[in-house]
C-alpha atoms as a PDB file:
ATOM      1  CA  MET A   1       5.577  -2.148  -5.333  1.00  0.00           C
ATOM      2  CA  PRO A   2       8.612   0.002  -4.583  1.00  0.00           C
ATOM      3  CA  SER A   3       8.393   2.043  -1.410  1.00  0.00           C
ATOM      4  CA  SER A   4       8.661   5.277  -3.417  1.00  0.00           C
ATOM      5  CA  GLN A   5       5.436   4.418  -5.251  1.00  0.00           C
ATOM      6  CA  LEU A   6       3.727   3.510  -1.991  1.00  0.00           C
ATOM      7  CA  LYS A   7       4.776   6.849  -0.535  1.00  0.00           C
ATOM      8  CA  ARG A   8       3.367   8.651  -3.583  1.00  0.00           C
ATOM      9  CA  LEU A   9       0.048   6.857  -3.115  1.00  0.00           C
ATOM     10  CA  GLN A  10      -0.024   7.784   0.568  1.00  0.00           C
ATOM     11  CA  ASP A  11       0.777  11.416  -0.222  1.00  0.00           C
ATOM     12  CA  ALA A  12      -1.958  11.492  -2.850  1.00  0.00           C
ATOM     13  CA  GLN A  13      -4.415   9.966  -0.398  1.00  0.00           C
ATOM     14  CA  ARG A  14      -3.702  12.713   2.143  1.00  0.00           C
ATOM     15  CA  LYS A  15      -4.270  15.398  -0.477  1.00  0.00           C
ATOM     16  CA  VAL A  16      -7.473  13.799  -1.709  1.00  0.00           C
ATOM     17  CA  ALA A  17      -8.676  13.447   1.892  1.00  0.00           C
ATOM     18  CA  GLN A  18      -8.518  17.225   2.148  1.00  0.00           C
ATOM     19  CA  LEU A  19     -10.549  17.499  -1.053  1.00  0.00           C
ATOM     20  CA  VAL A  20     -13.134  15.030   0.273  1.00  0.00           C
ATOM     21  CA  HIS A  21     -13.442  17.211   3.353  1.00  0.00           C
ATOM     22  CA  LEU A  22     -14.391  20.103   1.072  1.00  0.00           C
ATOM     23  CA  ASP A  23     -16.525  18.135  -1.386  1.00  0.00           C
ATOM     24  CA  PRO A  24     -17.552  14.450  -1.136  1.00  0.00           C
ATOM     25  CA  VAL A  25     -17.468  14.146  -4.934  1.00  0.00           C
ATOM     26  CA  TYR A  26     -13.793  13.143  -4.508  1.00  0.00           C
ATOM     27  CA  LEU A  27     -14.661  10.149  -2.311  1.00  0.00           C
ATOM     28  CA  PRO A  28     -14.315   7.533  -5.103  1.00  0.00           C
ATOM     29  CA  ILE A  29     -10.751   8.701  -5.739  1.00  0.00           C
ATOM     30  CA  PHE A  30      -9.979   8.488  -2.023  1.00  0.00           C
ATOM     31  CA  GLU A  31     -11.423   4.974  -1.855  1.00  0.00           C
ATOM     32  CA  ARG A  32      -9.422   3.873  -4.899  1.00  0.00           C
ATOM     33  CA  LEU A  33      -6.200   5.172  -3.368  1.00  0.00           C
ATOM     34  CA  GLU A  34      -7.073   3.446  -0.110  1.00  0.00           C
ATOM     35  CA  ALA A  35      -7.548   0.125  -1.943  1.00  0.00           C
ATOM     36  CA  GLU A  36      -4.306   0.547  -3.890  1.00  0.00           C
ATOM     37  CA  ILE A  37      -2.369   1.250  -0.682  1.00  0.00           C
ATOM     38  CA  GLN A  38      -3.871  -1.766   1.056  1.00  0.00           C
ATOM     39  CA  ALA A  39      -3.078  -4.017  -1.910  1.00  0.00           C
ATOM     40  CA  ALA A  40       0.505  -2.769  -2.043  1.00  0.00           C
ATOM     41  CA  GLU A  41       1.000  -3.334   1.677  1.00  0.00           C
ATOM     42  CA  THR A  42      -0.519  -6.822   1.503  1.00  0.00           C
ATOM     43  CA  THR A  43       1.699  -7.780  -1.418  1.00  0.00           C
ATOM     44  CA  GLY A  44       4.743  -6.455   0.423  1.00  0.00           C
ATOM     45  CA  ASP A  45       3.818  -8.479   3.503  1.00  0.00           C
ATOM     46  CA  ALA A  46       3.418 -11.662   1.448  1.00  0.00           C
ATOM     47  CA  ILE A  47       6.780 -11.156  -0.253  1.00  0.00           C
ATOM     48  CA  GLU A  48       8.443 -10.654   3.122  1.00  0.00           C
ATOM     49  CA  ARG A  49       6.836 -13.839   4.495  1.00  0.00           C
ATOM     50  CA  ALA A  50       8.070 -15.778   1.461  1.00  0.00           C
ATOM     51  CA  ARG A  51      11.600 -14.444   1.953  1.00  0.00           C
ATOM     52  CA  ARG A  52      11.586 -15.470   5.614  1.00  0.00           C
ATOM     53  CA  LEU A  53      10.397 -18.951   4.685  1.00  0.00           C
ATOM     54  CA  VAL A  54      13.191 -19.333   2.130  1.00  0.00           C
ATOM     55  CA  ALA A  55      15.757 -18.088   4.656  1.00  0.00           C
ATOM     56  CA  LEU A  56      14.469 -20.534   7.260  1.00  0.00           C
ATOM     57  CA  HIS A  57      14.635 -23.405   4.764  1.00  0.00           C
ATOM     58  CA  ARG A  58      18.216 -22.487   3.796  1.00  0.00           C
ATOM     59  CA  ALA A  59      19.241 -22.319   7.460  1.00  0.00           C
ATOM     60  CA  LYS A  60      17.975 -25.852   8.049  1.00  0.00           C
ATOM     61  CA  ALA A  61      19.650 -27.279   4.935  1.00  0.00           C
END
């Protein structure tokens, strides 16, 4: 996921957190955003690990 989309999710999560503070009915939206952010970060971490592995393999070749 591009960093601009991740930033939009994080911004939305902050706004929804304020809404949850006022009314817990928004909690499912907050939780969904939280899961989407975590998934995006995990995917980004895995891609970075794969890139490092490829770079290491190329350096040894």
